[in-house]
Protein backbone atom coordinates (compact mmCIF):
# COMPACT_ATOMS: atom_id res chain seq x y z
CA MET A 1 -27.23 30.17 -60.34
CA LYS A 2 -28.02 32.95 -62.77
CA LEU A 3 -25.38 35.03 -64.58
CA LEU A 4 -25.52 38.06 -66.87
CA ILE A 5 -23.08 38.45 -69.77
CA ILE A 6 -22.69 41.98 -71.15
CA GLU A 7 -20.56 41.62 -74.28
CA ASP A 8 -20.99 43.12 -77.77
CA ASP A 9 -18.96 40.48 -79.64
CA ILE A 10 -21.55 37.84 -80.48
CA SER A 11 -18.96 35.09 -81.02
CA ILE A 12 -17.44 35.64 -77.57
CA ARG A 13 -20.89 35.92 -76.04
CA ASN A 14 -22.00 32.62 -77.58
CA VAL A 15 -18.89 30.78 -76.42
CA LEU A 16 -19.30 32.08 -72.87
CA ARG A 17 -23.02 31.30 -72.77
CA LEU A 18 -22.63 27.75 -74.07
CA GLY A 19 -19.72 27.02 -71.74
CA LEU A 20 -21.50 28.41 -68.69
CA GLU A 21 -24.73 26.58 -69.47
CA GLU A 22 -22.71 23.35 -69.61
CA LEU A 23 -21.68 24.16 -66.03
CA SER A 24 -25.37 24.43 -65.03
CA TYR A 25 -25.56 28.23 -64.93
CA SER A 26 -28.63 30.03 -66.25
CA VAL A 27 -27.48 32.88 -68.52
CA ASP A 28 -28.95 36.17 -69.72
CA GLU A 29 -27.18 38.25 -72.38
CA ALA A 30 -26.87 41.89 -73.38
CA GLU A 31 -25.08 43.26 -76.44
CA ASP A 32 -24.56 46.85 -75.24
CA GLY A 33 -24.01 48.79 -72.03
CA GLU A 34 -27.46 50.33 -71.78
CA ARG A 35 -29.25 47.01 -72.18
CA GLY A 36 -26.88 45.36 -69.72
CA LEU A 37 -27.44 48.05 -67.11
CA TYR A 38 -31.20 47.72 -67.53
CA LEU A 39 -31.11 43.94 -67.01
CA ALA A 40 -28.78 44.28 -64.01
CA LYS A 41 -31.27 46.64 -62.37
CA ILE A 42 -34.48 44.68 -62.96
CA ASN A 43 -33.19 41.13 -62.38
CA LYS A 44 -31.30 39.41 -59.59
CA TYR A 45 -28.05 37.80 -60.72
CA ASP A 46 -25.42 35.84 -58.84
CA LEU A 47 -22.64 37.32 -60.99
CA ILE A 48 -22.19 39.74 -63.91
CA ILE A 49 -19.53 39.31 -66.61
CA LEU A 50 -18.97 42.77 -68.06
CA ASP A 51 -16.87 43.77 -71.06
CA ASN A 52 -15.34 47.25 -70.84
CA ILE A 53 -15.59 48.42 -74.47
CA LEU A 54 -19.29 48.38 -75.28
CA PRO A 55 -21.69 50.29 -77.55
CA LYS A 56 -23.90 52.98 -75.97
CA LYS A 57 -22.26 52.83 -72.53
CA LEU A 58 -18.77 51.70 -71.50
CA GLY A 59 -18.38 48.85 -69.06
CA LYS A 60 -16.67 51.11 -66.52
CA LYS A 61 -19.69 53.42 -66.52
CA VAL A 62 -22.11 50.48 -66.33
CA CYS A 63 -20.21 49.16 -63.32
CA GLU A 64 -20.31 52.54 -61.58
CA GLU A 65 -24.06 52.92 -62.16
CA ILE A 66 -24.75 49.38 -60.92
CA ARG A 67 -22.91 50.16 -57.68
CA ASN A 68 -24.60 53.56 -57.35
CA SER A 69 -27.93 51.73 -57.54
CA GLY A 70 -27.01 49.78 -54.43
CA ILE A 71 -26.53 46.47 -56.28
CA ASN A 72 -23.73 44.36 -54.77
CA THR A 73 -23.73 41.53 -57.31
CA PRO A 74 -20.15 40.36 -58.02
CA ILE A 75 -18.83 41.88 -61.27
CA LEU A 76 -16.04 40.39 -63.36
CA LEU A 77 -14.73 43.02 -65.79
CA LEU A 78 -13.18 42.02 -69.12
CA SER A 79 -10.73 44.26 -70.97
CA ALA A 80 -7.94 44.09 -73.54
CA LYS A 81 -5.88 46.55 -71.50
CA ASN A 82 -3.40 44.92 -69.16
CA ASP A 83 -1.39 47.82 -67.73
CA VAL A 84 -1.56 48.44 -64.01
CA ASN A 85 -3.20 51.87 -64.23
CA SER A 86 -6.05 50.53 -66.39
CA LYS A 87 -6.66 47.66 -63.99
CA ILE A 88 -6.74 50.01 -61.01
CA GLU A 89 -9.14 52.35 -62.80
CA LEU A 90 -11.55 49.56 -63.68
CA LEU A 91 -11.42 47.98 -60.23
CA ASP A 92 -12.06 51.41 -58.71
CA SER A 93 -15.28 51.59 -60.70
CA GLY A 94 -16.68 48.87 -58.45
CA ALA A 95 -15.61 45.65 -60.16
CA ASP A 96 -14.71 42.69 -57.96
CA ASP A 97 -12.19 41.18 -60.36
CA TYR A 98 -10.50 41.87 -63.68
CA LEU A 99 -9.68 39.50 -66.55
CA THR A 100 -7.49 40.47 -69.50
CA LYS A 101 -8.52 39.47 -73.04
CA PRO A 102 -7.78 37.02 -74.53
CA PHE A 103 -8.34 34.50 -71.77
CA SER A 104 -9.02 30.80 -71.47
CA PHE A 105 -12.42 29.53 -70.42
CA ALA A 106 -10.73 27.59 -67.62
CA GLU A 107 -9.37 30.84 -66.18
CA LEU A 108 -12.79 32.48 -66.47
CA GLN A 109 -14.36 29.52 -64.67
CA ALA A 110 -11.80 29.78 -61.87
CA ARG A 111 -12.46 33.50 -61.44
CA ILE A 112 -16.21 32.92 -61.32
CA LYS A 113 -15.86 30.21 -58.68
CA SER A 114 -13.60 32.43 -56.62
CA LEU A 115 -16.07 35.32 -56.71
CA LEU A 116 -19.05 33.16 -55.85
CA ARG A 117 -17.24 31.65 -52.87
CA ARG A 118 -16.65 35.00 -51.18
CA PRO A 119 -18.59 34.92 -47.91
CA HIS A 120 -20.11 38.38 -48.25
CA LYS A 121 -21.51 37.48 -51.65
CA ILE A 122 -22.84 33.98 -51.01
CA GLU A 123 -24.23 32.42 -47.84
CA GLY A 124 -22.81 28.96 -48.35
CA ILE A 125 -22.23 26.19 -50.85
CA ILE A 126 -23.95 23.31 -49.06
CA LEU A 127 -27.71 23.20 -48.59
CA LYS A 128 -29.28 20.62 -46.27
CA SER A 129 -32.96 19.80 -45.75
CA LYS A 130 -35.38 16.85 -45.89
CA ASN A 131 -32.62 14.22 -46.13
CA ILE A 132 -31.21 16.21 -49.06
CA ILE A 133 -27.67 17.52 -49.26
CA LEU A 134 -26.93 19.77 -52.24
CA ASN A 135 -23.39 20.98 -52.90
CA THR A 136 -23.46 24.05 -55.16
CA ASP A 137 -19.70 23.89 -55.64
CA THR A 138 -19.35 20.28 -56.81
CA GLY A 139 -22.82 19.90 -58.32
CA GLU A 140 -23.47 16.79 -56.23
CA VAL A 141 -26.80 15.91 -54.63
CA PHE A 142 -27.36 13.25 -51.97
CA PHE A 143 -30.76 11.95 -50.90
CA LYS A 144 -30.94 9.71 -47.84
CA ASN A 145 -27.14 9.44 -47.98
CA LYS A 146 -27.17 8.16 -51.57
CA LYS A 147 -25.84 10.20 -54.47
CA ILE A 148 -28.49 10.90 -57.11
CA TYR A 149 -28.18 12.17 -60.65
CA LEU A 150 -29.95 15.40 -61.63
CA THR A 151 -29.95 17.16 -64.98
CA ARG A 152 -28.63 20.74 -65.08
CA LYS A 153 -32.13 22.23 -64.86
CA GLU A 154 -33.24 19.83 -62.15
CA PHE A 155 -30.18 20.78 -60.09
CA CYS A 156 -30.81 24.52 -60.56
CA LEU A 157 -34.49 24.07 -59.75
CA LEU A 158 -33.79 22.14 -56.56
CA GLU A 159 -31.14 24.66 -55.51
CA PHE A 160 -33.53 27.58 -56.01
CA LEU A 161 -36.36 25.83 -54.18
CA MET A 162 -34.10 24.97 -51.23
CA LYS A 163 -32.72 28.50 -51.02
CA ASN A 164 -36.31 29.74 -50.85
CA SER A 165 -37.65 27.07 -48.50
CA ASN A 166 -41.24 27.54 -47.30
CA LYS A 167 -41.84 30.36 -49.78
CA ILE A 168 -44.45 30.06 -52.52
CA LEU A 169 -42.71 30.49 -55.88
CA ASN A 170 -44.92 31.24 -58.87
CA ARG A 171 -44.29 30.19 -62.46
CA THR A 172 -42.83 33.55 -63.48
CA LYS A 173 -40.32 33.52 -60.61
CA LEU A 174 -39.17 30.01 -61.52
CA ILE A 175 -38.88 30.77 -65.23
CA GLU A 176 -36.89 33.97 -64.58
CA ASN A 177 -34.42 32.33 -62.21
CA ILE A 178 -34.02 28.81 -63.57
CA TRP A 179 -34.35 29.30 -67.30
CA ASP A 180 -33.74 32.79 -68.71
CA MET A 181 -35.59 36.00 -69.55
CA ASN A 182 -36.85 34.46 -72.81
CA GLY A 183 -38.48 31.47 -71.13
CA ASP A 184 -42.14 30.81 -71.87
CA PRO A 185 -44.19 31.03 -68.61
CA PHE A 186 -47.10 29.21 -70.29
CA SER A 187 -45.22 26.07 -71.31
CA ASN A 188 -45.38 22.84 -69.28
CA THR A 189 -41.60 22.69 -68.80
CA ILE A 190 -41.93 23.61 -65.10
CA GLU A 191 -44.42 20.83 -64.40
CA THR A 192 -42.23 18.33 -66.23
CA HIS A 193 -39.11 19.24 -64.27
CA ILE A 194 -40.98 19.33 -60.95
CA SER A 195 -42.42 15.88 -61.66
CA ASN A 196 -39.01 14.46 -62.58
CA LEU A 197 -37.42 16.03 -59.50
CA ARG A 198 -40.12 14.66 -57.21
CA GLY A 199 -39.50 11.18 -58.57
CA LYS A 200 -35.83 11.42 -57.61
CA ILE A 201 -36.37 12.78 -54.08
CA LYS A 202 -39.54 10.87 -53.27
CA ASP A 203 -40.18 10.33 -49.57
CA SER A 204 -43.08 8.08 -48.62
CA ASN A 205 -43.50 9.80 -45.25
CA LYS A 206 -43.21 13.46 -46.18
CA LYS A 207 -44.17 15.76 -49.02
CA ILE A 208 -41.14 17.75 -50.09
CA ILE A 209 -42.30 19.92 -53.00
CA LEU A 210 -45.89 21.07 -52.61
CA ASN A 211 -48.31 22.37 -55.23
CA VAL A 212 -50.06 25.53 -54.05
CA PRO A 213 -53.14 25.73 -56.31
CA GLY A 214 -53.25 28.89 -58.38
CA ARG A 215 -50.04 30.23 -56.82
CA GLY A 216 -47.07 27.97 -57.54
CA TYR A 217 -44.76 25.58 -55.68
CA LYS A 218 -43.17 25.41 -52.26
CA PHE A 219 -40.24 23.42 -50.89
CA VAL A 220 -41.12 22.42 -47.33
CA SER A 221 -38.03 22.42 -45.11
CA ASP A 222 -37.51 20.45 -41.91
């Protein structure tokens, strides 16, 4: 899954990014409201973590403009204010949840999981196809009823391929959704991860991840 962090404090931003990447999320960052709004409009994210006090454009305004653009991505707003009126005001701007600073990473993680589980924001947490069962909540993958180990990137790659079954996904699409906006589309990292993933879900009778020459890759569903 891909998240966007809009936070001007670089130390907080780094802690959040490192912690979320350890949980297998792909993370983009923005240091001010204008940049964050731009990224939210041009990219597809599963969730946005948005600080309220930001340079150039306040989080409340960013949230309002995201919603006015027709984007329904879950938004978790961060603010130092903890009075009821402030919370109501920020939630009324279109945020899905509110977290008061300072907060623990464990609490942030719980809020993120709660938002991503909401049925109108996510279709499901278990993907099944080609003798593969992938649980996006627990991070577990089973192939032919046996649990297999995948690295963070392999898990994210398989999840994205399964969610887009039978679609041809080019290099740029994979880089943008599995790595981050700074990923190099000309490196061989995609080929390496595809090769490793194929080795772990190899089926002698069926081809699961196909190469489409000159176009990209495709996960063939049942």
